[in-house]
Amino acid sequence: MSFHNRSALVALLAAGLLPSVAAASSDDAWAAMRTDVSAKCLKAAAGSIEKPRAVVDPFGSESFGLALVSGKPKGAKGKITQICVYNKQTKTVELGGELTEQMLKTPAK
C-alpha cells in the first residue's frame, strides 16, 4: 500500500471516529450539567425543605437547566415542590415559590 493510500485510509478512519468521540463528550457534558443542576438546586432548597429531592429535566431549555425540588417543608407538615432554574452561563440557581400538593393537583382555571 502506498504512503498516499495509507494516509487516506488513516484520515478516513479518524473521520469515522470523530462523531462517536463528539457524542461521548456531549453525553458527558450533559451528565455534568445535570449533576451540577441537582447539587446546586438541592443546596438552595435545603433552607426550606427537609431532605430535598431533585428531579432534573435532562436537557433544560436553551439557556437554563430546570429541576423540580420536593420534600417536607421545614417546620411544617405536608409536601412542597419548588421550581429550580439554573443559568447555564453563570451556573447560578434561583428557586420559585413553594407549591403545595393541593396547588399541583388543582386544575388551572
Protein backbone atom coordinates (compact mmCIF):
# COMPACT_ATOMS: atom_id res chain seq x y z
CA MET A 1 0.00 0.00 0.00
CA SER A 2 1.46 3.37 -0.99
CA PHE A 3 2.08 6.16 1.51
CA HIS A 4 -0.70 8.24 -0.10
CA ASN A 5 -3.23 5.39 0.20
CA ARG A 6 -2.22 4.72 3.81
CA SER A 7 -2.63 8.40 4.67
CA ALA A 8 -6.04 8.46 3.06
CA LEU A 9 -7.07 5.33 4.97
CA VAL A 10 -5.88 6.80 8.30
CA ALA A 11 -7.74 10.04 7.59
CA LEU A 12 -10.90 8.14 6.69
CA LEU A 13 -10.75 6.04 9.86
CA ALA A 14 -10.10 9.12 12.02
CA ALA A 15 -13.05 10.94 10.45
CA GLY A 16 -15.26 7.95 11.17
CA LEU A 17 -14.28 8.02 14.85
CA LEU A 18 -14.83 11.73 15.38
CA PRO A 19 -18.64 11.61 15.62
CA SER A 20 -18.51 8.94 18.34
CA VAL A 21 -15.92 10.93 20.30
CA ALA A 22 -18.01 14.09 19.95
CA ALA A 23 -21.16 12.23 21.05
CA ALA A 24 -19.42 10.81 24.11
CA SER A 25 -18.10 14.22 25.02
CA SER A 26 -21.56 15.71 24.59
CA ASP A 27 -23.13 12.96 26.74
CA ASP A 28 -20.50 13.63 29.40
CA ALA A 29 -21.19 17.36 29.25
CA TRP A 30 -24.96 16.83 29.65
CA ALA A 31 -24.37 14.47 32.59
CA ALA A 32 -22.06 17.00 34.24
CA MET A 33 -24.64 19.75 33.76
CA ARG A 34 -27.40 17.59 35.30
CA THR A 35 -25.16 16.77 38.27
CA ASP A 36 -24.41 20.47 38.81
CA VAL A 37 -28.09 21.44 38.49
CA SER A 38 -29.07 18.79 41.04
CA ALA A 39 -26.34 19.71 43.54
CA LYS A 40 -26.98 23.45 43.36
CA CYS A 41 -30.78 23.11 43.46
CA LEU A 42 -30.62 20.77 46.47
CA LYS A 43 -28.28 23.17 48.27
CA ALA A 44 -30.56 26.14 47.53
CA ALA A 45 -33.65 24.26 48.76
CA ALA A 46 -32.00 22.95 51.94
CA GLY A 47 -33.08 26.08 53.81
CA SER A 48 -36.77 25.42 53.22
CA ILE A 49 -37.10 21.67 52.59
CA GLU A 50 -36.06 18.77 54.84
CA LYS A 51 -34.14 16.16 52.84
CA PRO A 52 -34.98 17.69 49.45
CA ARG A 53 -35.17 15.51 46.33
CA ALA A 54 -34.44 16.93 42.88
CA VAL A 55 -35.80 15.74 39.54
CA VAL A 56 -33.73 17.35 36.79
CA ASP A 57 -35.00 17.95 33.26
CA PRO A 58 -32.47 16.02 31.15
CA PHE A 59 -31.58 18.99 28.91
CA GLY A 60 -33.48 22.03 30.19
CA SER A 61 -34.09 24.91 27.83
CA GLU A 62 -31.58 26.63 25.59
CA SER A 63 -30.43 28.96 28.39
CA PHE A 64 -31.49 27.23 31.58
CA GLY A 65 -31.26 23.94 33.42
CA LEU A 66 -34.54 23.08 35.15
CA ALA A 67 -35.44 20.93 38.11
CA LEU A 68 -38.29 20.26 40.50
CA VAL A 69 -37.20 20.06 44.13
CA SER A 70 -39.64 18.41 46.53
CA GLY A 71 -39.90 17.36 50.14
CA LYS A 72 -41.33 18.14 53.56
CA PRO A 73 -41.22 21.84 54.38
CA LYS A 74 -39.08 22.64 57.41
CA GLY A 75 -41.22 23.20 60.47
CA ALA A 76 -44.47 22.21 58.77
CA LYS A 77 -46.41 19.18 57.57
CA GLY A 78 -47.17 18.12 54.04
CA LYS A 79 -45.05 18.28 50.93
CA ILE A 80 -43.91 21.18 48.81
CA THR A 81 -42.29 21.48 45.41
CA GLN A 82 -40.16 24.33 44.15
CA ILE A 83 -39.09 25.02 40.58
CA CYS A 84 -35.34 25.48 40.37
CA VAL A 85 -33.86 27.43 37.46
CA TYR A 86 -30.14 27.04 36.69
CA ASN A 87 -28.48 29.65 34.50
CA LYS A 88 -26.25 27.70 32.09
CA GLN A 89 -23.90 30.68 31.62
CA THR A 90 -23.43 31.84 35.21
CA LYS A 91 -24.08 28.40 36.78
CA THR A 92 -26.23 30.01 39.47
CA VAL A 93 -29.71 28.90 40.59
CA GLU A 94 -32.92 30.56 41.67
CA LEU A 95 -35.90 28.91 43.34
CA GLY A 96 -39.53 29.65 42.67
CA GLY A 97 -42.12 29.83 45.41
CA GLU A 98 -43.37 26.88 47.44
CA LEU A 99 -46.03 24.92 45.58
CA THR A 100 -48.19 22.73 47.81
CA GLU A 101 -49.58 19.36 46.82
CA GLN A 102 -53.03 20.96 46.58
CA MET A 103 -51.74 23.61 44.19
CA LEU A 104 -50.22 20.92 41.96
CA LYS A 105 -53.44 18.88 41.91
CA THR A 106 -55.86 21.75 41.26
CA PRO A 107 -56.55 22.27 37.55
CA ALA A 108 -55.76 25.70 36.13
CA LYS A 109 -58.73 27.96 35.51
